[in-house]
Each structure stands twice: as C-alpha cells, then as structure tokens.
Amino acid sequence: MTHVVCQPCFACKYTDCVVVCPVECFYEGQKILYIHPEECIDCEACVPECPVEAIFHEDNVPDEWKGFIELNAELASKCPSITEKKAPMGPH
C-alpha cells in the first residue's frame, strides 16, 4: 500500500513531509510533490506533517482526487527525488 499526494499540494508544495520520510520516496514535480508507490512503506509519518492535508492513504483518497493515485505512480519516477525542506510555492 502507499500514500498519495493530492490536489491541496498543487501550487503550494510544502515540503515538511519529505524530511520525515524514512525511505525518501517523495519526488518533486513542477507544481506538486509525488510519492513513489513502490518505495512508500506506508509508515504514515508524512500525513500529520502536511499543513494542507494533501496526503492520503490510497484507500482513503477522496473520490474527486482518485486520479492522483495514477498520477503519483506515473510521475514520481520521472521527477527528481526531494529529501530536504524548501520554501513552499504558494502564499499559504
């Protein structure tokens, strides 16, 4: 099982989640972060760290954001890994 980054991260990109990930499974897209589903160990450490509540267990992704499950799986492997905190994008 894996966790999934969803819509609330778009154009926001807080990176508090990446520093607590023990397996470094986060990847940085241009406007959103992604979680690599084959690397995520389902530890849930990232979930409480996300200030915009953008990370969900794949079984609990809201219906309107189900497409993010496939999006994370597809794009994580095409983006660079991110392991250090950066300034967020948006005015949050």
PDB file of N, CA and C in Angstrom:
ATOM      1  N   MET A   1       0.848  -1.184   0.000  1.00  0.00           N
ATOM      2  CA  MET A   1       0.000   0.000   0.000  1.00  0.00           C
ATOM      3  C   MET A   1       0.890   1.243   0.000  1.00  0.00           C
ATOM      4  N   THR A   2       0.280   2.346  -0.374  1.00  0.00           N
ATOM      5  CA  THR A   2       1.044   3.578  -0.483  1.00  0.00           C
ATOM      6  C   THR A   2       0.190   4.771  -0.068  1.00  0.00           C
ATOM      7  N   HIS A   3       0.853   5.874   0.096  1.00  0.00           N
ATOM      8  CA  HIS A   3       0.178   7.145   0.317  1.00  0.00           C
ATOM      9  C   HIS A   3       0.261   7.940  -0.983  1.00  0.00           C
ATOM     10  N   VAL A   4      -0.625   8.914  -1.119  1.00  0.00           N
ATOM     11  CA  VAL A   4      -0.765   9.658  -2.363  1.00  0.00           C
ATOM     12  C   VAL A   4      -0.856  11.148  -2.047  1.00  0.00           C
ATOM     13  N   VAL A   5      -0.116  11.951  -2.806  1.00  0.00           N
ATOM     14  CA  VAL A   5      -0.221  13.410  -2.696  1.00  0.00           C
ATOM     15  C   VAL A   5      -1.334  13.852  -3.635  1.00  0.00           C
ATOM     16  N   CYS A   6      -2.262  14.659  -3.116  1.00  0.00           N
ATOM     17  CA  CYS A   6      -3.444  15.060  -3.900  1.00  0.00           C
ATOM     18  C   CYS A   6      -3.516  16.570  -4.124  1.00  0.00           C
ATOM     19  N   GLN A   7      -4.612  17.022  -4.669  1.00  0.00           N
ATOM     20  CA  GLN A   7      -4.871  18.387  -5.116  1.00  0.00           C
ATOM     21  C   GLN A   7      -4.419  19.499  -4.164  1.00  0.00           C
ATOM     22  N   PRO A   8      -4.615  19.398  -2.842  1.00  0.00           N
ATOM     23  CA  PRO A   8      -4.230  20.532  -1.988  1.00  0.00           C
ATOM     24  C   PRO A   8      -2.755  20.911  -2.071  1.00  0.00           C
ATOM     25  N   CYS A   9      -1.903  20.008  -2.537  1.00  0.00           N
ATOM     26  CA  CYS A   9      -0.475  20.300  -2.678  1.00  0.00           C
ATOM     27  C   CYS A   9      -0.189  21.141  -3.917  1.00  0.00           C
ATOM     28  N   PHE A  10      -1.075  21.138  -4.886  1.00  0.00           N
ATOM     29  CA  PHE A  10      -0.833  21.808  -6.170  1.00  0.00           C
ATOM     30  C   PHE A  10      -0.604  23.305  -5.973  1.00  0.00           C
ATOM     31  N   ALA A  11       0.505  23.788  -6.513  1.00  0.00           N
ATOM     32  CA  ALA A  11       0.913  25.195  -6.437  1.00  0.00           C
ATOM     33  C   ALA A  11       1.142  25.654  -4.996  1.00  0.00           C
ATOM     34  N   CYS A  12       1.419  24.730  -4.143  1.00  0.00           N
ATOM     35  CA  CYS A  12       1.663  25.009  -2.732  1.00  0.00           C
ATOM     36  C   CYS A  12       3.013  24.412  -2.364  1.00  0.00           C
ATOM     37  N   LYS A  13       3.094  23.096  -2.468  1.00  0.00           N
ATOM     38  CA  LYS A  13       4.321  22.333  -2.302  1.00  0.00           C
ATOM     39  C   LYS A  13       5.052  22.592  -0.987  1.00  0.00           C
ATOM     40  N   TYR A  14       4.363  22.453   0.119  1.00  0.00           N
ATOM     41  CA  TYR A  14       5.079  22.422   1.387  1.00  0.00           C
ATOM     42  C   TYR A  14       5.935  21.172   1.364  1.00  0.00           C
ATOM     43  N   THR A  15       7.085  21.225   1.972  1.00  0.00           N
ATOM     44  CA  THR A  15       7.972  20.058   1.945  1.00  0.00           C
ATOM     45  C   THR A  15       8.264  19.526   3.351  1.00  0.00           C
ATOM     46  N   ASP A  16       7.427  19.854   4.297  1.00  0.00           N
ATOM     47  CA  ASP A  16       7.584  19.340   5.659  1.00  0.00           C
ATOM     48  C   ASP A  16       7.561  17.811   5.653  1.00  0.00           C
ATOM     49  N   CYS A  17       6.793  17.235   4.751  1.00  0.00           N
ATOM     50  CA  CYS A  17       6.613  15.781   4.668  1.00  0.00           C
ATOM     51  C   CYS A  17       7.882  15.050   4.255  1.00  0.00           C
ATOM     52  N   VAL A  18       8.677  15.656   3.395  1.00  0.00           N
ATOM     53  CA  VAL A  18       9.822  14.934   2.846  1.00  0.00           C
ATOM     54  C   VAL A  18      10.912  14.685   3.883  1.00  0.00           C
ATOM     55  N   VAL A  19      11.050  15.569   4.857  1.00  0.00           N
ATOM     56  CA  VAL A  19      12.119  15.407   5.842  1.00  0.00           C
ATOM     57  C   VAL A  19      11.839  14.306   6.859  1.00  0.00           C
ATOM     58  N   VAL A  20      10.594  13.892   6.994  1.00  0.00           N
ATOM     59  CA  VAL A  20      10.255  12.814   7.938  1.00  0.00           C
ATOM     60  C   VAL A  20      10.152  11.454   7.263  1.00  0.00           C
ATOM     61  N   CYS A  21      10.252  11.412   5.965  1.00  0.00           N
ATOM     62  CA  CYS A  21      10.112  10.148   5.229  1.00  0.00           C
ATOM     63  C   CYS A  21      11.375   9.294   5.414  1.00  0.00           C
ATOM     64  N   PRO A  22      11.224   8.112   6.017  1.00  0.00           N
ATOM     65  CA  PRO A  22      12.410   7.280   6.265  1.00  0.00           C
ATOM     66  C   PRO A  22      12.970   6.587   5.019  1.00  0.00           C
ATOM     67  N   VAL A  23      12.204   6.559   3.940  1.00  0.00           N
ATOM     68  CA  VAL A  23      12.666   5.876   2.724  1.00  0.00           C
ATOM     69  C   VAL A  23      12.854   6.818   1.535  1.00  0.00           C
ATOM     70  N   GLU A  24      12.698   8.107   1.751  1.00  0.00           N
ATOM     71  CA  GLU A  24      12.917   9.124   0.714  1.00  0.00           C
ATOM     72  C   GLU A  24      12.150   8.815  -0.575  1.00  0.00           C
ATOM     73  N   CYS A  25      10.828   8.630  -0.431  1.00  0.00           N
ATOM     74  CA  CYS A  25      10.007   8.258  -1.597  1.00  0.00           C
ATOM     75  C   CYS A  25       9.270   9.446  -2.213  1.00  0.00           C
ATOM     76  N   PHE A  26       9.634  10.684  -1.830  1.00  0.00           N
ATOM     77  CA  PHE A  26       8.998  11.868  -2.414  1.00  0.00           C
ATOM     78  C   PHE A  26       9.788  12.363  -3.614  1.00  0.00           C
ATOM     79  N   TYR A  27       9.035  12.849  -4.598  1.00  0.00           N
ATOM     80  CA  TYR A  27       9.628  13.373  -5.824  1.00  0.00           C
ATOM     81  C   TYR A  27       8.993  14.721  -6.119  1.00  0.00           C
ATOM     82  N   GLU A  28       9.790  15.617  -6.677  1.00  0.00           N
ATOM     83  CA  GLU A  28       9.336  16.994  -6.882  1.00  0.00           C
ATOM     84  C   GLU A  28       8.982  17.273  -8.329  1.00  0.00           C
ATOM     85  N   GLY A  29       7.681  17.492  -8.557  1.00  0.00           N
ATOM     86  CA  GLY A  29       7.221  17.929  -9.860  1.00  0.00           C
ATOM     87  C   GLY A  29       7.292  19.446  -9.926  1.00  0.00           C
ATOM     88  N   GLN A  30       6.906  19.995 -11.038  1.00  0.00           N
ATOM     89  CA  GLN A  30       6.982  21.444 -11.215  1.00  0.00           C
ATOM     90  C   GLN A  30       6.066  22.180 -10.241  1.00  0.00           C
ATOM     91  N   LYS A  31       4.862  21.645  -9.972  1.00  0.00           N
ATOM     92  CA  LYS A  31       3.910  22.342  -9.114  1.00  0.00           C
ATOM     93  C   LYS A  31       3.366  21.496  -7.970  1.00  0.00           C
ATOM     94  N   ILE A  32       3.846  20.269  -7.836  1.00  0.00           N
ATOM     95  CA  ILE A  32       3.299  19.359  -6.836  1.00  0.00           C
ATOM     96  C   ILE A  32       4.354  18.304  -6.495  1.00  0.00           C
ATOM     97  N   LEU A  33       4.239  17.732  -5.312  1.00  0.00           N
ATOM     98  CA  LEU A  33       5.092  16.611  -4.934  1.00  0.00           C
ATOM     99  C   LEU A  33       4.380  15.308  -5.271  1.00  0.00           C
ATOM    100  N   TYR A  34       5.146  14.250  -5.441  1.00  0.00           N
ATOM    101  CA  TYR A  34       4.595  12.931  -5.710  1.00  0.00           C
ATOM    102  C   TYR A  34       5.233  11.918  -4.772  1.00  0.00           C
ATOM    103  N   ILE A  35       4.510  10.845  -4.469  1.00  0.00           N
ATOM    104  CA  ILE A  35       5.034   9.737  -3.686  1.00  0.00           C
ATOM    105  C   ILE A  35       5.152   8.536  -4.609  1.00  0.00           C
ATOM    106  N   HIS A  36       6.331   7.930  -4.632  1.00  0.00           N
ATOM    107  CA  HIS A  36       6.541   6.748  -5.465  1.00  0.00           C
ATOM    108  C   HIS A  36       5.888   5.551  -4.768  1.00  0.00           C
ATOM    109  N   PRO A  37       4.886   4.935  -5.395  1.00  0.00           N
ATOM    110  CA  PRO A  37       4.126   3.863  -4.735  1.00  0.00           C
ATOM    111  C   PRO A  37       4.932   2.606  -4.429  1.00  0.00           C
ATOM    112  N   GLU A  38       5.987   2.353  -5.180  1.00  0.00           N
ATOM    113  CA  GLU A  38       6.790   1.155  -4.937  1.00  0.00           C
ATOM    114  C   GLU A  38       7.835   1.388  -3.848  1.00  0.00           C
ATOM    115  N   GLU A  39       8.051   2.647  -3.481  1.00  0.00           N
ATOM    116  CA  GLU A  39       9.043   2.965  -2.456  1.00  0.00           C
ATOM    117  C   GLU A  39       8.408   3.265  -1.103  1.00  0.00           C
ATOM    118  N   CYS A  40       7.170   3.728  -1.112  1.00  0.00           N
ATOM    119  CA  CYS A  40       6.462   4.087   0.124  1.00  0.00           C
ATOM    120  C   CYS A  40       6.259   2.835   0.975  1.00  0.00           C
ATOM    121  N   ILE A  41       6.589   2.927   2.268  1.00  0.00           N
ATOM    122  CA  ILE A  41       6.422   1.776   3.165  1.00  0.00           C
ATOM    123  C   ILE A  41       5.182   1.926   4.046  1.00  0.00           C
ATOM    124  N   ASP A  42       4.350   2.906   3.725  1.00  0.00           N
ATOM    125  CA  ASP A  42       3.068   3.069   4.414  1.00  0.00           C
ATOM    126  C   ASP A  42       3.233   3.345   5.914  1.00  0.00           C
ATOM    127  N   CYS A  43       4.259   4.117   6.265  1.00  0.00           N
ATOM    128  CA  CYS A  43       4.526   4.388   7.680  1.00  0.00           C
ATOM    129  C   CYS A  43       3.665   5.515   8.245  1.00  0.00           C
ATOM    130  N   GLU A  44       3.089   6.327   7.364  1.00  0.00           N
ATOM    131  CA  GLU A  44       2.212   7.446   7.713  1.00  0.00           C
ATOM    132  C   GLU A  44       2.918   8.622   8.373  1.00  0.00           C
ATOM    133  N   ALA A  45       4.234   8.640   8.418  1.00  0.00           N
ATOM    134  CA  ALA A  45       4.961   9.744   9.049  1.00  0.00           C
ATOM    135  C   ALA A  45       4.690  11.078   8.356  1.00  0.00           C
ATOM    136  N   CYS A  46       4.441  11.045   7.066  1.00  0.00           N
ATOM    137  CA  CYS A  46       4.247  12.265   6.290  1.00  0.00           C
ATOM    138  C   CYS A  46       2.872  12.903   6.505  1.00  0.00           C
ATOM    139  N   VAL A  47       1.888  12.094   6.812  1.00  0.00           N
ATOM    140  CA  VAL A  47       0.497  12.571   6.866  1.00  0.00           C
ATOM    141  C   VAL A  47       0.307  13.734   7.845  1.00  0.00           C
ATOM    142  N   PRO A  48       0.711  13.609   9.103  1.00  0.00           N
ATOM    143  CA  PRO A  48       0.491  14.727  10.025  1.00  0.00           C
ATOM    144  C   PRO A  48       1.390  15.937   9.760  1.00  0.00           C
ATOM    145  N   GLU A  49       2.432  15.761   8.953  1.00  0.00           N
ATOM    146  CA  GLU A  49       3.352  16.859   8.657  1.00  0.00           C
ATOM    147  C   GLU A  49       2.840  17.794   7.568  1.00  0.00           C
ATOM    148  N   CYS A  50       1.866  17.359   6.795  1.00  0.00           N
ATOM    149  CA  CYS A  50       1.354  18.167   5.686  1.00  0.00           C
ATOM    150  C   CYS A  50       0.359  19.200   6.204  1.00  0.00           C
ATOM    151  N   PRO A  51       0.715  20.493   6.160  1.00  0.00           N
ATOM    152  CA  PRO A  51      -0.159  21.529   6.707  1.00  0.00           C
ATOM    153  C   PRO A  51      -1.438  21.768   5.903  1.00  0.00           C
ATOM    154  N   VAL A  52      -1.498  21.268   4.665  1.00  0.00           N
ATOM    155  CA  VAL A  52      -2.700  21.468   3.848  1.00  0.00           C
ATOM    156  C   VAL A  52      -3.489  20.172   3.677  1.00  0.00           C
ATOM    157  N   GLU A  53      -3.102  19.138   4.407  1.00  0.00           N
ATOM    158  CA  GLU A  53      -3.801  17.846   4.382  1.00  0.00           C
ATOM    159  C   GLU A  53      -3.949  17.300   2.961  1.00  0.00           C
ATOM    160  N   ALA A  54      -2.825  17.218   2.258  1.00  0.00           N
ATOM    161  CA  ALA A  54      -2.826  16.763   0.868  1.00  0.00           C
ATOM    162  C   ALA A  54      -2.455  15.297   0.708  1.00  0.00           C
ATOM    163  N   ILE A  55      -2.052  14.627   1.788  1.00  0.00           N
ATOM    164  CA  ILE A  55      -1.569  13.248   1.692  1.00  0.00           C
ATOM    165  C   ILE A  55      -2.596  12.281   2.275  1.00  0.00           C
ATOM    166  N   PHE A  56      -2.950  11.287   1.471  1.00  0.00           N
ATOM    167  CA  PHE A  56      -3.947  10.302   1.865  1.00  0.00           C
ATOM    168  C   PHE A  56      -3.429   8.899   1.597  1.00  0.00           C
ATOM    169  N   HIS A  57      -3.875   7.939   2.413  1.00  0.00           N
ATOM    170  CA  HIS A  57      -3.627   6.535   2.088  1.00  0.00           C
ATOM    171  C   HIS A  57      -4.408   6.252   0.808  1.00  0.00           C
ATOM    172  N   GLU A  58      -3.858   5.443  -0.077  1.00  0.00           N
ATOM    173  CA  GLU A  58      -4.518   5.219  -1.372  1.00  0.00           C
ATOM    174  C   GLU A  58      -5.947   4.705  -1.236  1.00  0.00           C
ATOM    175  N   ASP A  59      -6.251   4.006  -0.170  1.00  0.00           N
ATOM    176  CA  ASP A  59      -7.615   3.510   0.047  1.00  0.00           C
ATOM    177  C   ASP A  59      -8.572   4.604   0.529  1.00  0.00           C
ATOM    178  N   ASN A  60      -8.023   5.741   0.954  1.00  0.00           N
ATOM    179  CA  ASN A  60      -8.839   6.820   1.512  1.00  0.00           C
ATOM    180  C   ASN A  60      -8.806   8.105   0.693  1.00  0.00           C
ATOM    181  N   VAL A  61      -8.289   8.042  -0.522  1.00  0.00           N
ATOM    182  CA  VAL A  61      -8.262   9.234  -1.374  1.00  0.00           C
ATOM    183  C   VAL A  61      -9.708   9.609  -1.700  1.00  0.00           C
ATOM    184  N   PRO A  62     -10.087  10.870  -1.471  1.00  0.00           N
ATOM    185  CA  PRO A  62     -11.456  11.296  -1.814  1.00  0.00           C
ATOM    186  C   PRO A  62     -11.764  11.040  -3.290  1.00  0.00           C
ATOM    187  N   ASP A  63     -13.008  10.726  -3.573  1.00  0.00           N
ATOM    188  CA  ASP A  63     -13.422  10.367  -4.935  1.00  0.00           C
ATOM    189  C   ASP A  63     -12.979  11.388  -5.980  1.00  0.00           C
ATOM    190  N   GLU A  64     -13.091  12.668  -5.657  1.00  0.00           N
ATOM    191  CA  GLU A  64     -12.752  13.702  -6.644  1.00  0.00           C
ATOM    192  C   GLU A  64     -11.248  13.759  -6.942  1.00  0.00           C
ATOM    193  N   TRP A  65     -10.435  13.101  -6.138  1.00  0.00           N
ATOM    194  CA  TRP A  65      -8.984  13.113  -6.334  1.00  0.00           C
ATOM    195  C   TRP A  65      -8.420  11.738  -6.657  1.00  0.00           C
ATOM    196  N   LYS A  66      -9.248  10.771  -6.995  1.00  0.00           N
ATOM    197  CA  LYS A  66      -8.784   9.408  -7.296  1.00  0.00           C
ATOM    198  C   LYS A  66      -7.741   9.381  -8.413  1.00  0.00           C
ATOM    199  N   GLY A  67      -7.815  10.306  -9.349  1.00  0.00           N
ATOM    200  CA  GLY A  67      -6.854  10.377 -10.443  1.00  0.00           C
ATOM    201  C   GLY A  67      -5.429  10.621  -9.970  1.00  0.00           C
ATOM    202  N   PHE A  68      -5.275  11.146  -8.766  1.00  0.00           N
ATOM    203  CA  PHE A  68      -3.944  11.407  -8.237  1.00  0.00           C
ATOM    204  C   PHE A  68      -3.205  10.123  -7.881  1.00  0.00           C
ATOM    205  N   ILE A  69      -3.919   9.027  -7.691  1.00  0.00           N
ATOM    206  CA  ILE A  69      -3.272   7.742  -7.412  1.00  0.00           C
ATOM    207  C   ILE A  69      -2.402   7.361  -8.613  1.00  0.00           C
ATOM    208  N   GLU A  70      -2.996   7.394  -9.791  1.00  0.00           N
ATOM    209  CA  GLU A  70      -2.259   7.072 -11.018  1.00  0.00           C
ATOM    210  C   GLU A  70      -1.224   8.144 -11.343  1.00  0.00           C
ATOM    211  N   LEU A  71      -1.566   9.395 -11.095  1.00  0.00           N
ATOM    212  CA  LEU A  71      -0.641  10.497 -11.373  1.00  0.00           C
ATOM    213  C   LEU A  71       0.640  10.368 -10.554  1.00  0.00           C
ATOM    214  N   ASN A  72       0.516  10.071  -9.260  1.00  0.00           N
ATOM    215  CA  ASN A  72       1.697   9.873  -8.416  1.00  0.00           C
ATOM    216  C   ASN A  72       2.531   8.712  -8.947  1.00  0.00           C
ATOM    217  N   ALA A  73       1.871   7.609  -9.270  1.00  0.00           N
ATOM    218  CA  ALA A  73       2.580   6.419  -9.750  1.00  0.00           C
ATOM    219  C   ALA A  73       3.322   6.702 -11.057  1.00  0.00           C
ATOM    220  N   GLU A  74       2.686   7.443 -11.946  1.00  0.00           N
ATOM    221  CA  GLU A  74       3.275   7.722 -13.253  1.00  0.00           C
ATOM    222  C   GLU A  74       4.399   8.750 -13.182  1.00  0.00           C
ATOM    223  N   LEU A  75       4.201   9.825 -12.442  1.00  0.00           N
ATOM    224  CA  LEU A  75       5.150  10.935 -12.496  1.00  0.00           C
ATOM    225  C   LEU A  75       6.269  10.885 -11.464  1.00  0.00           C
ATOM    226  N   ALA A  76       6.103  10.128 -10.390  1.00  0.00           N
ATOM    227  CA  ALA A  76       7.170  10.060  -9.384  1.00  0.00           C
ATOM    228  C   ALA A  76       8.479   9.583 -10.007  1.00  0.00           C
ATOM    229  N   SER A  77       8.396   8.600 -10.875  1.00  0.00           N
ATOM    230  CA  SER A  77       9.616   8.055 -11.477  1.00  0.00           C
ATOM    231  C   SER A  77      10.230   8.971 -12.538  1.00  0.00           C
ATOM    232  N   LYS A  78       9.516  10.014 -12.916  1.00  0.00           N
ATOM    233  CA  LYS A  78      10.012  10.943 -13.935  1.00  0.00           C
ATOM    234  C   LYS A  78      10.541  12.241 -13.333  1.00  0.00           C
ATOM    235  N   CYS A  79      10.427  12.399 -12.022  1.00  0.00           N
ATOM    236  CA  CYS A  79      10.815  13.635 -11.353  1.00  0.00           C
ATOM    237  C   CYS A  79      12.006  13.391 -10.431  1.00  0.00           C
ATOM    238  N   PRO A  80      12.723  14.460 -10.088  1.00  0.00           N
ATOM    239  CA  PRO A  80      13.858  14.297  -9.172  1.00  0.00           C
ATOM    240  C   PRO A  80      13.396  14.046  -7.737  1.00  0.00           C
ATOM    241  N   SER A  81      14.187  13.268  -7.022  1.00  0.00           N
ATOM    242  CA  SER A  81      13.921  12.990  -5.616  1.00  0.00           C
ATOM    243  C   SER A  81      14.075  14.275  -4.805  1.00  0.00           C
ATOM    244  N   ILE A  82      13.289  14.406  -3.748  1.00  0.00           N
ATOM    245  CA  ILE A  82      13.413  15.546  -2.853  1.00  0.00           C
ATOM    246  C   ILE A  82      13.480  15.010  -1.426  1.00  0.00           C
ATOM    247  N   THR A  83      14.501  15.440  -0.694  1.00  0.00           N
ATOM    248  CA  THR A  83      14.706  14.953   0.660  1.00  0.00           C
ATOM    249  C   THR A  83      14.901  16.077   1.668  1.00  0.00           C
ATOM    250  N   GLU A  84      15.032  17.306   1.189  1.00  0.00           N
ATOM    251  CA  GLU A  84      15.256  18.433   2.084  1.00  0.00           C
ATOM    252  C   GLU A  84      14.131  19.447   1.957  1.00  0.00           C
ATOM    253  N   LYS A  85      13.861  20.113   3.057  1.00  0.00           N
ATOM    254  CA  LYS A  85      12.791  21.104   3.103  1.00  0.00           C
ATOM    255  C   LYS A  85      13.146  22.331   2.269  1.00  0.00           C
ATOM    256  N   LYS A  86      12.157  22.832   1.555  1.00  0.00           N
ATOM    257  CA  LYS A  86      12.300  24.045   0.741  1.00  0.00           C
ATOM    258  C   LYS A  86      11.164  24.998   1.101  1.00  0.00           C
ATOM    259  N   ALA A  87      11.276  26.219   0.663  1.00  0.00           N
ATOM    260  CA  ALA A  87      10.194  27.178   0.861  1.00  0.00           C
ATOM    261  C   ALA A  87       8.999  26.760   0.007  1.00  0.00           C
ATOM    262  N   PRO A  88       7.762  26.861   0.531  1.00  0.00           N
ATOM    263  CA  PRO A  88       6.591  26.482  -0.262  1.00  0.00           C
ATOM    264  C   PRO A  88       6.372  27.456  -1.416  1.00  0.00           C
ATOM    265  N   MET A  89       5.637  27.017  -2.411  1.00  0.00           N
ATOM    266  CA  MET A  89       5.364  27.837  -3.590  1.00  0.00           C
ATOM    267  C   MET A  89       4.336  28.913  -3.324  1.00  0.00           C
ATOM    268  N   GLY A  90       3.212  28.506  -2.765  1.00  0.00           N
ATOM    269  CA  GLY A  90       2.069  29.393  -2.653  1.00  0.00           C
ATOM    270  C   GLY A  90       2.094  30.317  -1.443  1.00  0.00           C
ATOM    271  N   PRO A  91       1.159  31.243  -1.400  1.00  0.00           N
ATOM    272  CA  PRO A  91       1.071  32.202  -0.292  1.00  0.00           C
ATOM    273  C   PRO A  91       0.279  31.627   0.886  1.00  0.00           C
ATOM    274  N   HIS A  92       0.590  30.396   1.285  1.00  0.00           N
ATOM    275  CA  HIS A  92      -0.169  29.721   2.333  1.00  0.00           C
ATOM    276  C   HIS A  92       0.355  30.054   3.694  1.00  0.00           C
TER     277      HIS A  92
END
